[in-house]
Amino acid sequence: IKKLRPGAASPGEIVDVEGKRLGFHDGLIHYTVGQRRGLGIGGLR
């Protein structure tokens, strides 16, 4: 995707269902629905 669409990996916030910020991501293209690993937001119950 990065080769086909330069600039596609825009960073942004990671939020929960209530909109609370939990961290930051380095581009939505790195994630898919249902993914658990690689979120970079440890320390949660």
PDB file of all heavy atoms in Angstrom:
ATOM      1  N   ILE A   1       0.839  -1.204   0.000  1.00  0.00           N
ATOM      2  CA  ILE A   1       0.000   0.000   0.000  1.00  0.00           C
ATOM      3  C   ILE A   1       0.873   1.252   0.000  1.00  0.00           C
ATOM      4  O   ILE A   1       0.593   2.226  -0.717  1.00  0.00           O
ATOM      5  CB  ILE A   1      -0.950   0.024   1.216  1.00  0.00           C
ATOM      6  CG1 ILE A   1      -1.849  -1.214   1.207  1.00  0.00           C
ATOM      7  CG2 ILE A   1      -1.787   1.294   1.214  1.00  0.00           C
ATOM      8  CD1 ILE A   1      -2.738  -1.340   0.010  1.00  0.00           C
ATOM      9  N   LYS A   2       1.935   1.249   0.790  1.00  0.00           N
ATOM     10  CA  LYS A   2       2.808   2.420   0.866  1.00  0.00           C
ATOM     11  C   LYS A   2       3.482   2.709  -0.471  1.00  0.00           C
ATOM     12  O   LYS A   2       3.693   3.862  -0.836  1.00  0.00           O
ATOM     13  CB  LYS A   2       3.852   2.225   1.964  1.00  0.00           C
ATOM     14  CG  LYS A   2       3.295   2.456   3.361  1.00  0.00           C
ATOM     15  CD  LYS A   2       4.361   2.447   4.427  1.00  0.00           C
ATOM     16  CE  LYS A   2       4.822   1.053   4.762  1.00  0.00           C
ATOM     17  NZ  LYS A   2       5.727   1.043   5.942  1.00  0.00           N
ATOM     18  N   LYS A   3       3.797   1.645  -1.227  1.00  0.00           N
ATOM     19  CA  LYS A   3       4.394   1.837  -2.543  1.00  0.00           C
ATOM     20  C   LYS A   3       3.370   2.336  -3.553  1.00  0.00           C
ATOM     21  O   LYS A   3       3.664   3.180  -4.392  1.00  0.00           O
ATOM     22  CB  LYS A   3       4.998   0.513  -3.037  1.00  0.00           C
ATOM     23  CG  LYS A   3       6.264   0.105  -2.304  1.00  0.00           C
ATOM     24  CD  LYS A   3       6.818  -1.198  -2.861  1.00  0.00           C
ATOM     25  CE  LYS A   3       8.077  -1.620  -2.111  1.00  0.00           C
ATOM     26  NZ  LYS A   3       8.616  -2.901  -2.630  1.00  0.00           N
ATOM     27  N   LEU A   4       2.149   1.799  -3.463  1.00  0.00           N
ATOM     28  CA  LEU A   4       1.105   2.177  -4.407  1.00  0.00           C
ATOM     29  C   LEU A   4       0.514   3.548  -4.110  1.00  0.00           C
ATOM     30  O   LEU A   4       0.139   4.289  -5.028  1.00  0.00           O
ATOM     31  CB  LEU A   4      -0.019   1.133  -4.390  1.00  0.00           C
ATOM     32  CG  LEU A   4       0.323  -0.263  -4.913  1.00  0.00           C
ATOM     33  CD1 LEU A   4      -0.809  -1.226  -4.594  1.00  0.00           C
ATOM     34  CD2 LEU A   4       0.567  -0.219  -6.420  1.00  0.00           C
ATOM     35  N   ARG A   5       0.404   3.869  -2.825  1.00  0.00           N
ATOM     36  CA  ARG A   5      -0.224   5.131  -2.411  1.00  0.00           C
ATOM     37  C   ARG A   5       0.697   5.839  -1.424  1.00  0.00           C
ATOM     38  O   ARG A   5       0.496   5.768  -0.210  1.00  0.00           O
ATOM     39  CB  ARG A   5      -1.597   4.875  -1.786  1.00  0.00           C
ATOM     40  CG  ARG A   5      -2.595   4.159  -2.687  1.00  0.00           C
ATOM     41  CD  ARG A   5      -3.072   5.056  -3.830  1.00  0.00           C
ATOM     42  NE  ARG A   5      -4.128   4.406  -4.599  1.00  0.00           N
ATOM     43  CZ  ARG A   5      -3.910   3.653  -5.665  1.00  0.00           C
ATOM     44  NH1 ARG A   5      -2.667   3.439  -6.100  1.00  0.00           N
ATOM     45  NH2 ARG A   5      -4.933   3.116  -6.335  1.00  0.00           N
ATOM     46  N   PRO A   6       1.739   6.523  -1.916  1.00  0.00           N
ATOM     47  CA  PRO A   6       2.665   7.229  -1.018  1.00  0.00           C
ATOM     48  C   PRO A   6       1.915   8.196  -0.097  1.00  0.00           C
ATOM     49  O   PRO A   6       0.993   8.883  -0.504  1.00  0.00           O
ATOM     50  CB  PRO A   6       3.571   7.995  -1.995  1.00  0.00           C
ATOM     51  CG  PRO A   6       3.499   7.214  -3.271  1.00  0.00           C
ATOM     52  CD  PRO A   6       2.093   6.690  -3.335  1.00  0.00           C
ATOM     53  N   GLY A   7       2.299   8.218   1.158  1.00  0.00           N
ATOM     54  CA  GLY A   7       1.639   9.089   2.119  1.00  0.00           C
ATOM     55  C   GLY A   7       0.434   8.465   2.770  1.00  0.00           C
ATOM     56  O   GLY A   7      -0.271   9.128   3.543  1.00  0.00           O
ATOM     57  N   ALA A   8       0.190   7.178   2.471  1.00  0.00           N
ATOM     58  CA  ALA A   8      -1.007   6.532   3.009  1.00  0.00           C
ATOM     59  C   ALA A   8      -0.896   6.222   4.492  1.00  0.00           C
ATOM     60  O   ALA A   8      -1.911   6.092   5.171  1.00  0.00           O
ATOM     61  CB  ALA A   8      -1.283   5.238   2.239  1.00  0.00           C
ATOM     62  N   ALA A   9       0.319   6.100   4.997  1.00  0.00           N
ATOM     63  CA  ALA A   9       0.492   5.702   6.395  1.00  0.00           C
ATOM     64  C   ALA A   9       0.480   6.907   7.325  1.00  0.00           C
ATOM     65  O   ALA A   9       1.458   7.209   8.009  1.00  0.00           O
ATOM     66  CB  ALA A   9       1.792   4.917   6.554  1.00  0.00           C
ATOM     67  N   SER A  10      -0.649   7.599   7.381  1.00  0.00           N
ATOM     68  CA  SER A  10      -0.769   8.771   8.259  1.00  0.00           C
ATOM     69  C   SER A  10      -1.014   8.312   9.691  1.00  0.00           C
ATOM     70  O   SER A  10      -1.872   7.456   9.931  1.00  0.00           O
ATOM     71  CB  SER A  10      -1.919   9.661   7.795  1.00  0.00           C
ATOM     72  OG  SER A  10      -1.718  10.098   6.472  1.00  0.00           O
ATOM     73  N   PRO A  11      -0.302   8.881  10.663  1.00  0.00           N
ATOM     74  CA  PRO A  11      -0.504   8.483  12.057  1.00  0.00           C
ATOM     75  C   PRO A  11      -1.808   9.048  12.608  1.00  0.00           C
ATOM     76  O   PRO A  11      -2.427   9.942  12.031  1.00  0.00           O
ATOM     77  CB  PRO A  11       0.706   9.109  12.763  1.00  0.00           C
ATOM     78  CG  PRO A  11       1.046  10.303  11.926  1.00  0.00           C
ATOM     79  CD  PRO A  11       0.746   9.896  10.507  1.00  0.00           C
ATOM     80  N   GLY A  12      -2.217   8.529  13.760  1.00  0.00           N
ATOM     81  CA  GLY A  12      -3.447   9.000  14.391  1.00  0.00           C
ATOM     82  C   GLY A  12      -3.613   8.407  15.766  1.00  0.00           C
ATOM     83  O   GLY A  12      -2.712   7.736  16.296  1.00  0.00           O
ATOM     84  N   GLU A  13      -4.791   8.611  16.339  1.00  0.00           N
ATOM     85  CA  GLU A  13      -5.065   8.162  17.701  1.00  0.00           C
ATOM     86  C   GLU A  13      -5.649   6.749  17.731  1.00  0.00           C
ATOM     87  O   GLU A  13      -6.353   6.343  16.816  1.00  0.00           O
ATOM     88  CB  GLU A  13      -6.060   9.110  18.371  1.00  0.00           C
ATOM     89  CG  GLU A  13      -5.554  10.525  18.582  1.00  0.00           C
ATOM     90  CD  GLU A  13      -6.592  11.393  19.250  1.00  0.00           C
ATOM     91  OE1 GLU A  13      -7.811  11.093  19.107  1.00  0.00           O
ATOM     92  OE2 GLU A  13      -6.206  12.359  19.915  1.00  0.00           O
ATOM     93  N   ILE A  14      -5.364   6.075  18.827  1.00  0.00           N
ATOM     94  CA  ILE A  14      -6.054   4.826  19.163  1.00  0.00           C
ATOM     95  C   ILE A  14      -7.028   5.170  20.271  1.00  0.00           C
ATOM     96  O   ILE A  14      -6.627   5.698  21.322  1.00  0.00           O
ATOM     97  CB  ILE A  14      -5.073   3.734  19.628  1.00  0.00           C
ATOM     98  CG1 ILE A  14      -4.035   3.433  18.549  1.00  0.00           C
ATOM     99  CG2 ILE A  14      -5.837   2.461  20.004  1.00  0.00           C
ATOM    100  CD1 ILE A  14      -2.978   2.427  18.981  1.00  0.00           C
ATOM    101  N   VAL A  15      -8.331   4.905  20.057  1.00  0.00           N
ATOM    102  CA  VAL A  15      -9.348   5.257  21.051  1.00  0.00           C
ATOM    103  C   VAL A  15     -10.228   4.055  21.365  1.00  0.00           C
ATOM    104  O   VAL A  15     -10.327   3.114  20.565  1.00  0.00           O
ATOM    105  CB  VAL A  15     -10.233   6.430  20.556  1.00  0.00           C
ATOM    106  CG1 VAL A  15      -9.387   7.663  20.257  1.00  0.00           C
ATOM    107  CG2 VAL A  15     -11.029   6.024  19.316  1.00  0.00           C
ATOM    108  N   ASP A  16     -10.860   4.100  22.526  1.00  0.00           N
ATOM    109  CA  ASP A  16     -11.791   3.029  22.870  1.00  0.00           C
ATOM    110  C   ASP A  16     -13.190   3.404  22.366  1.00  0.00           C
ATOM    111  O   ASP A  16     -13.368   4.435  21.704  1.00  0.00           O
ATOM    112  CB  ASP A  16     -11.787   2.753  24.375  1.00  0.00           C
ATOM    113  CG  ASP A  16     -12.261   3.935  25.221  1.00  0.00           C
ATOM    114  OD1 ASP A  16     -12.876   4.873  24.666  1.00  0.00           O
ATOM    115  OD2 ASP A  16     -12.018   3.918  26.446  1.00  0.00           O
ATOM    116  N   VAL A  17     -14.188   2.574  22.676  1.00  0.00           N
ATOM    117  CA  VAL A  17     -15.531   2.782  22.135  1.00  0.00           C
ATOM    118  C   VAL A  17     -16.192   4.050  22.655  1.00  0.00           C
ATOM    119  O   VAL A  17     -17.171   4.527  22.086  1.00  0.00           O
ATOM    120  CB  VAL A  17     -16.438   1.560  22.426  1.00  0.00           C
ATOM    121  CG1 VAL A  17     -15.972   0.349  21.642  1.00  0.00           C
ATOM    122  CG2 VAL A  17     -16.467   1.257  23.923  1.00  0.00           C
ATOM    123  N   GLU A  18     -15.668   4.618  23.749  1.00  0.00           N
ATOM    124  CA  GLU A  18     -16.212   5.856  24.295  1.00  0.00           C
ATOM    125  C   GLU A  18     -15.426   7.072  23.823  1.00  0.00           C
ATOM    126  O   GLU A  18     -15.704   8.205  24.239  1.00  0.00           O
ATOM    127  CB  GLU A  18     -16.213   5.791  25.825  1.00  0.00           C
ATOM    128  CG  GLU A  18     -17.137   4.701  26.368  1.00  0.00           C
ATOM    129  CD  GLU A  18     -17.049   4.578  27.873  1.00  0.00           C
ATOM    130  OE1 GLU A  18     -16.113   5.174  28.470  1.00  0.00           O
ATOM    131  OE2 GLU A  18     -17.900   3.887  28.453  1.00  0.00           O
ATOM    132  N   GLY A  19     -14.429   6.839  22.962  1.00  0.00           N
ATOM    133  CA  GLY A  19     -13.643   7.937  22.430  1.00  0.00           C
ATOM    134  C   GLY A  19     -12.439   8.316  23.266  1.00  0.00           C
ATOM    135  O   GLY A  19     -11.738   9.290  22.960  1.00  0.00           O
ATOM    136  N   LYS A  20     -12.138   7.573  24.321  1.00  0.00           N
ATOM    137  CA  LYS A  20     -10.991   7.865  25.185  1.00  0.00           C
ATOM    138  C   LYS A  20      -9.703   7.466  24.477  1.00  0.00           C
ATOM    139  O   LYS A  20      -9.577   6.351  23.966  1.00  0.00           O
ATOM    140  CB  LYS A  20     -11.122   7.101  26.503  1.00  0.00           C
ATOM    141  CG  LYS A  20      -9.943   7.319  27.445  1.00  0.00           C
ATOM    142  CD  LYS A  20     -10.105   6.474  28.704  1.00  0.00           C
ATOM    143  CE  LYS A  20      -8.885   6.622  29.620  1.00  0.00           C
ATOM    144  NZ  LYS A  20      -9.013   5.774  30.839  1.00  0.00           N
ATOM    145  N   ARG A  21      -8.744   8.385  24.466  1.00  0.00           N
ATOM    146  CA  ARG A  21      -7.470   8.103  23.792  1.00  0.00           C
ATOM    147  C   ARG A  21      -6.629   7.146  24.627  1.00  0.00           C
ATOM    148  O   ARG A  21      -6.391   7.363  25.818  1.00  0.00           O
ATOM    149  CB  ARG A  21      -6.696   9.402  23.558  1.00  0.00           C
ATOM    150  CG  ARG A  21      -5.467   9.199  22.685  1.00  0.00           C
ATOM    151  CD  ARG A  21      -4.838  10.528  22.308  1.00  0.00           C
ATOM    152  NE  ARG A  21      -4.214  11.151  23.476  1.00  0.00           N
ATOM    153  CZ  ARG A  21      -3.864  12.429  23.541  1.00  0.00           C
ATOM    154  NH1 ARG A  21      -4.124  13.229  22.517  1.00  0.00           N
ATOM    155  NH2 ARG A  21      -3.288  12.909  24.620  1.00  0.00           N
ATOM    156  N   LEU A  22      -6.153   6.076  23.957  1.00  0.00           N
ATOM    157  CA  LEU A  22      -5.333   5.067  24.621  1.00  0.00           C
ATOM    158  C   LEU A  22      -3.900   5.071  24.124  1.00  0.00           C
ATOM    159  O   LEU A  22      -3.017   4.498  24.769  1.00  0.00           O
ATOM    160  CB  LEU A  22      -5.937   3.673  24.393  1.00  0.00           C
ATOM    161  CG  LEU A  22      -7.379   3.458  24.854  1.00  0.00           C
ATOM    162  CD1 LEU A  22      -7.831   2.047  24.496  1.00  0.00           C
ATOM    163  CD2 LEU A  22      -7.516   3.705  26.351  1.00  0.00           C
ATOM    164  N   GLY A  23      -3.679   5.696  22.984  1.00  0.00           N
ATOM    165  CA  GLY A  23      -2.339   5.706  22.412  1.00  0.00           C
ATOM    166  C   GLY A  23      -2.379   6.239  20.996  1.00  0.00           C
ATOM    167  O   GLY A  23      -3.337   6.908  20.590  1.00  0.00           O
ATOM    168  N   PHE A  24      -1.333   5.923  20.240  1.00  0.00           N
ATOM    169  CA  PHE A  24      -1.223   6.402  18.867  1.00  0.00           C
ATOM    170  C   PHE A  24      -0.826   5.258  17.938  1.00  0.00           C
ATOM    171  O   PHE A  24      -0.138   4.314  18.349  1.00  0.00           O
ATOM    172  CB  PHE A  24      -0.181   7.528  18.767  1.00  0.00           C
ATOM    173  CG  PHE A  24      -0.546   8.752  19.555  1.00  0.00           C
ATOM    174  CD1 PHE A  24      -0.131   8.890  20.883  1.00  0.00           C
ATOM    175  CD2 PHE A  24      -1.312   9.752  18.986  1.00  0.00           C
ATOM    176  CE1 PHE A  24      -0.471  10.017  21.624  1.00  0.00           C
ATOM    177  CE2 PHE A  24      -1.664  10.882  19.717  1.00  0.00           C
ATOM    178  CZ  PHE A  24      -1.247  11.008  21.030  1.00  0.00           C
ATOM    179  N   HIS A  25      -1.275   5.343  16.691  1.00  0.00           N
ATOM    180  CA  HIS A  25      -0.890   4.356  15.673  1.00  0.00           C
ATOM    181  C   HIS A  25      -0.081   5.056  14.588  1.00  0.00           C
ATOM    182  O   HIS A  25      -0.099   6.286  14.470  1.00  0.00           O
ATOM    183  CB  HIS A  25      -2.131   3.684  15.070  1.00  0.00           C
ATOM    184  CG  HIS A  25      -3.016   4.615  14.299  1.00  0.00           C
ATOM    185  ND1 HIS A  25      -2.731   5.026  13.014  1.00  0.00           N
ATOM    186  CD2 HIS A  25      -4.178   5.245  14.639  1.00  0.00           C
ATOM    187  CE1 HIS A  25      -3.673   5.835  12.580  1.00  0.00           C
ATOM    188  NE2 HIS A  25      -4.571   5.998  13.550  1.00  0.00           N
ATOM    189  N   ASP A  26       0.643   4.266  13.776  1.00  0.00           N
ATOM    190  CA  ASP A  26       1.488   4.842  12.723  1.00  0.00           C
ATOM    191  C   ASP A  26       0.896   4.645  11.326  1.00  0.00           C
ATOM    192  O   ASP A  26       1.617   4.623  10.338  1.00  0.00           O
ATOM    193  CB  ASP A  26       2.902   4.252  12.779  1.00  0.00           C
ATOM    194  CG  ASP A  26       2.920   2.735  12.690  1.00  0.00           C
ATOM    195  OD1 ASP A  26       1.816   2.139  12.621  1.00  0.00           O
ATOM    196  OD2 ASP A  26       4.012   2.147  12.686  1.00  0.00           O
ATOM    197  N   GLY A  27      -0.423   4.492  11.256  1.00  0.00           N
ATOM    198  CA  GLY A  27      -1.092   4.347   9.967  1.00  0.00           C
ATOM    199  C   GLY A  27      -2.130   3.245  10.000  1.00  0.00           C
ATOM    200  O   GLY A  27      -1.818   2.110  10.400  1.00  0.00           O
ATOM    201  N   LEU A  28      -3.367   3.557   9.599  1.00  0.00           N
ATOM    202  CA  LEU A  28      -4.439   2.565   9.636  1.00  0.00           C
ATOM    203  C   LEU A  28      -4.179   1.382   8.717  1.00  0.00           C
ATOM    204  O   LEU A  28      -4.763   0.310   8.899  1.00  0.00           O
ATOM    205  CB  LEU A  28      -5.772   3.228   9.266  1.00  0.00           C
ATOM    206  CG  LEU A  28      -6.307   4.273  10.248  1.00  0.00           C
ATOM    207  CD1 LEU A  28      -7.617   4.859   9.732  1.00  0.00           C
ATOM    208  CD2 LEU A  28      -6.503   3.673  11.641  1.00  0.00           C
ATOM    209  N   ILE A  29      -3.307   1.566   7.718  1.00  0.00           N
ATOM    210  CA  ILE A  29      -3.036   0.473   6.775  1.00  0.00           C
ATOM    211  C   ILE A  29      -2.349  -0.706   7.441  1.00  0.00           C
ATOM    212  O   ILE A  29      -2.248  -1.784   6.850  1.00  0.00           O
ATOM    213  CB  ILE A  29      -2.195   0.952   5.577  1.00  0.00           C
ATOM    214  CG1 ILE A  29      -0.815   1.447   6.041  1.00  0.00           C
ATOM    215  CG2 ILE A  29      -2.914   2.017   4.784  1.00  0.00           C
ATOM    216  CD1 ILE A  29       0.129   1.759   4.909  1.00  0.00           C
ATOM    217  N   HIS A  30      -1.881  -0.529   8.670  1.00  0.00           N
ATOM    218  CA  HIS A  30      -1.198  -1.614   9.379  1.00  0.00           C
ATOM    219  C   HIS A  30      -2.159  -2.490  10.183  1.00  0.00           C
ATOM    220  O   HIS A  30      -1.724  -3.435  10.837  1.00  0.00           O
ATOM    221  CB  HIS A  30      -0.139  -1.045  10.332  1.00  0.00           C
ATOM    222  CG  HIS A  30       0.947  -0.268   9.655  1.00  0.00           C
ATOM    223  ND1 HIS A  30       1.921  -0.859   8.883  1.00  0.00           N
ATOM    224  CD2 HIS A  30       1.186   1.068   9.606  1.00  0.00           C
ATOM    225  CE1 HIS A  30       2.732   0.070   8.407  1.00  0.00           C
ATOM    226  NE2 HIS A  30       2.307   1.248   8.826  1.00  0.00           N
ATOM    227  N   TYR A  31      -3.463  -2.181  10.126  1.00  0.00           N
ATOM    228  CA  TYR A  31      -4.412  -2.874  11.000  1.00  0.00           C
ATOM    229  C   TYR A  31      -5.615  -3.402  10.221  1.00  0.00           C
ATOM    230  O   TYR A  31      -5.993  -2.861   9.182  1.00  0.00           O
ATOM    231  CB  TYR A  31      -4.900  -1.913  12.101  1.00  0.00           C
ATOM    232  CG  TYR A  31      -3.774  -1.277  12.884  1.00  0.00           C
ATOM    233  CD1 TYR A  31      -3.251  -0.045  12.491  1.00  0.00           C
ATOM    234  CD2 TYR A  31      -3.216  -1.916  13.982  1.00  0.00           C
ATOM    235  CE1 TYR A  31      -2.202   0.538  13.191  1.00  0.00           C
ATOM    236  CE2 TYR A  31      -2.173  -1.337  14.688  1.00  0.00           C
ATOM    237  CZ  TYR A  31      -1.662  -0.112  14.282  1.00  0.00           C
ATOM    238  OH  TYR A  31      -0.624   0.451  14.972  1.00  0.00           O
ATOM    239  N   THR A  32      -6.229  -4.443  10.774  1.00  0.00           N
ATOM    240  CA  THR A  32      -7.468  -4.992  10.224  1.00  0.00           C
ATOM    241  C   THR A  32      -8.437  -5.276  11.363  1.00  0.00           C
ATOM    242  O   THR A  32      -8.025  -5.474  12.518  1.00  0.00           O
ATOM    243  CB  THR A  32      -7.221  -6.309   9.455  1.00  0.00           C
ATOM    244  OG1 THR A  32      -6.620  -7.271  10.341  1.00  0.00           O
ATOM    245  CG2 THR A  32      -6.314  -6.083   8.254  1.00  0.00           C
ATOM    246  N   VAL A  33      -9.713  -5.293  11.054  1.00  0.00           N
ATOM    247  CA  VAL A  33     -10.743  -5.584  12.055  1.00  0.00           C
ATOM    248  C   VAL A  33     -10.494  -6.968  12.659  1.00  0.00           C
ATOM    249  O   VAL A  33     -10.251  -7.937  11.942  1.00  0.00           O
ATOM    250  CB  VAL A  33     -12.145  -5.517  11.432  1.00  0.00           C
ATOM    251  CG1 VAL A  33     -13.202  -6.022  12.414  1.00  0.00           C
ATOM    252  CG2 VAL A  33     -12.462  -4.095  10.996  1.00  0.00           C
ATOM    253  N   GLY A  34     -10.541  -7.041  13.985  1.00  0.00           N
ATOM    254  CA  GLY A  34     -10.318  -8.300  14.682  1.00  0.00           C
ATOM    255  C   GLY A  34      -8.890  -8.496  15.154  1.00  0.00           C
ATOM    256  O   GLY A  34      -8.603  -9.423  15.919  1.00  0.00           O
ATOM    257  N   GLN A  35      -7.988  -7.631  14.727  1.00  0.00           N
ATOM    258  CA  GLN A  35      -6.581  -7.764  15.102  1.00  0.00           C
ATOM    259  C   GLN A  35      -6.382  -7.498  16.588  1.00  0.00           C
ATOM    260  O   GLN A  35      -6.969  -6.582  17.161  1.00  0.00           O
ATOM    261  CB  GLN A  35      -5.736  -6.786  14.272  1.00  0.00           C
ATOM    262  CG  GLN A  35      -4.244  -6.845  14.552  1.00  0.00           C
ATOM    263  CD  GLN A  35      -3.469  -5.913  13.627  1.00  0.00           C
ATOM    264  OE1 GLN A  35      -3.904  -5.649  12.511  1.00  0.00           O
ATOM    265  NE2 GLN A  35      -2.339  -5.414  14.093  1.00  0.00           N
ATOM    266  N   ARG A  36      -5.510  -8.290  17.218  1.00  0.00           N
ATOM    267  CA  ARG A  36      -5.215  -8.101  18.636  1.00  0.00           C
ATOM    268  C   ARG A  36      -3.761  -7.708  18.863  1.00  0.00           C
ATOM    269  O   ARG A  36      -3.472  -6.787  19.623  1.00  0.00           O
ATOM    270  CB  ARG A  36      -5.531  -9.379  19.408  1.00  0.00           C
ATOM    271  CG  ARG A  36      -5.114  -9.321  20.879  1.00  0.00           C
ATOM    272  CD  ARG A  36      -5.298 -10.658  21.581  1.00  0.00           C
ATOM    273  NE  ARG A  36      -4.722 -10.657  22.910  1.00  0.00           N
ATOM    274  CZ  ARG A  36      -4.636 -11.718  23.691  1.00  0.00           C
ATOM    275  NH1 ARG A  36      -5.101 -12.878  23.272  1.00  0.00           N
ATOM    276  NH2 ARG A  36      -4.085 -11.637  24.883  1.00  0.00           N
ATOM    277  N   ARG A  37      -2.859  -8.395  18.184  1.00  0.00           N
ATOM    278  CA  ARG A  37      -1.432  -8.150  18.396  1.00  0.00           C
ATOM    279  C   ARG A  37      -0.958  -6.891  17.669  1.00  0.00           C
ATOM    280  O   ARG A  37      -1.518  -6.500  16.664  1.00  0.00           O
ATOM    281  CB  ARG A  37      -0.612  -9.353  17.934  1.00  0.00           C
ATOM    282  CG  ARG A  37      -0.937 -10.639  18.686  1.00  0.00           C
ATOM    283  CD  ARG A  37      -0.059 -11.794  18.234  1.00  0.00           C
ATOM    284  NE  ARG A  37      -0.410 -13.027  18.919  1.00  0.00           N
ATOM    285  CZ  ARG A  37       0.011 -13.359  20.135  1.00  0.00           C
ATOM    286  NH1 ARG A  37       0.815 -12.533  20.794  1.00  0.00           N
ATOM    287  NH2 ARG A  37      -0.356 -14.498  20.693  1.00  0.00           N
ATOM    288  N   GLY A  38       0.105  -6.309  18.203  1.00  0.00           N
ATOM    289  CA  GLY A  38       0.740  -5.187  17.534  1.00  0.00           C
ATOM    290  C   GLY A  38       0.059  -3.853  17.728  1.00  0.00           C
ATOM    291  O   GLY A  38       0.342  -2.909  16.993  1.00  0.00           O
ATOM    292  N   LEU A  39      -0.820  -3.730  18.734  1.00  0.00           N
ATOM    293  CA  LEU A  39      -1.515  -2.461  18.954  1.00  0.00           C
ATOM    294  C   LEU A  39      -0.668  -1.465  19.744  1.00  0.00           C
ATOM    295  O   LEU A  39      -0.905  -0.259  19.683  1.00  0.00           O
ATOM    296  CB  LEU A  39      -2.847  -2.698  19.675  1.00  0.00           C
ATOM    297  CG  LEU A  39      -3.861  -3.607  18.964  1.00  0.00           C
ATOM    298  CD1 LEU A  39      -5.159  -3.663  19.757  1.00  0.00           C
ATOM    299  CD2 LEU A  39      -4.122  -3.125  17.559  1.00  0.00           C
ATOM    300  N   GLY A  40       0.296  -1.981  20.521  1.00  0.00           N
ATOM    301  CA  GLY A  40       1.179  -1.085  21.253  1.00  0.00           C
ATOM    302  C   GLY A  40       0.527  -0.362  22.411  1.00  0.00           C
ATOM    303  O   GLY A  40       0.925   0.757  22.754  1.00  0.00           O
ATOM    304  N   ILE A  41      -0.479  -0.976  23.005  1.00  0.00           N
ATOM    305  CA  ILE A  41      -1.156  -0.353  24.158  1.00  0.00           C
ATOM    306  C   ILE A  41      -1.246  -1.386  25.279  1.00  0.00           C
ATOM    307  O   ILE A  41      -2.309  -1.916  25.584  1.00  0.00           O
ATOM    308  CB  ILE A  41      -2.556   0.188  23.793  1.00  0.00           C
ATOM    309  CG1 ILE A  41      -3.346  -0.846  22.956  1.00  0.00           C
ATOM    310  CG2 ILE A  41      -2.458   1.491  23.051  1.00  0.00           C
ATOM    311  CD1 ILE A  41      -4.785  -0.434  22.691  1.00  0.00           C
ATOM    312  N   GLY A  42      -0.111  -1.668  25.907  1.00  0.00           N
ATOM    313  CA  GLY A  42      -0.066  -2.654  26.977  1.00  0.00           C
ATOM    314  C   GLY A  42      -0.557  -2.079  28.298  1.00  0.00           C
ATOM    315  O   GLY A  42      -1.006  -0.928  28.395  1.00  0.00           O
ATOM    316  N   GLY A  43      -0.468  -2.899  29.339  1.00  0.00           N
ATOM    317  CA  GLY A  43      -0.839  -2.445  30.671  1.00  0.00           C
ATOM    318  C   GLY A  43      -2.324  -2.424  30.937  1.00  0.00           C
ATOM    319  O   GLY A  43      -2.771  -1.778  31.906  1.00  0.00           O
ATOM    320  N   LEU A  44      -3.120  -3.097  30.096  1.00  0.00           N
ATOM    321  CA  LEU A  44      -4.565  -3.109  30.282  1.00  0.00           C
ATOM    322  C   LEU A  44      -5.015  -4.432  30.907  1.00  0.00           C
ATOM    323  O   LEU A  44      -4.371  -5.462  30.730  1.00  0.00           O
ATOM    324  CB  LEU A  44      -5.255  -2.897  28.936  1.00  0.00           C
ATOM    325  CG  LEU A  44      -4.882  -1.597  28.204  1.00  0.00           C
ATOM    326  CD1 LEU A  44      -5.449  -1.617  26.797  1.00  0.00           C
ATOM    327  CD2 LEU A  44      -5.402  -0.386  28.973  1.00  0.00           C
ATOM    328  N   ARG A  45      -6.126  -4.381  31.617  1.00  0.00           N
ATOM    329  CA  ARG A  45      -6.612  -5.604  32.274  1.00  0.00           C
ATOM    330  C   ARG A  45      -7.129  -6.624  31.267  1.00  0.00           C
ATOM    331  O   ARG A  45      -6.929  -7.818  31.426  1.00  0.00           O
ATOM    332  CB  ARG A  45      -7.747  -5.252  33.238  1.00  0.00           C
ATOM    333  CG  ARG A  45      -7.319  -4.408  34.410  1.00  0.00           C
ATOM    334  CD  ARG A  45      -8.487  -4.209  35.353  1.00  0.00           C
ATOM    335  NE  ARG A  45      -8.405  -2.941  36.035  1.00  0.00           N
ATOM    336  CZ  ARG A  45      -9.373  -2.445  36.789  1.00  0.00           C
ATOM    337  NH1 ARG A  45     -10.489  -3.116  36.920  1.00  0.00           N
ATOM    338  NH2 ARG A  45      -9.230  -1.286  37.377  1.00  0.00           N
TER     339      ARG A  45
END
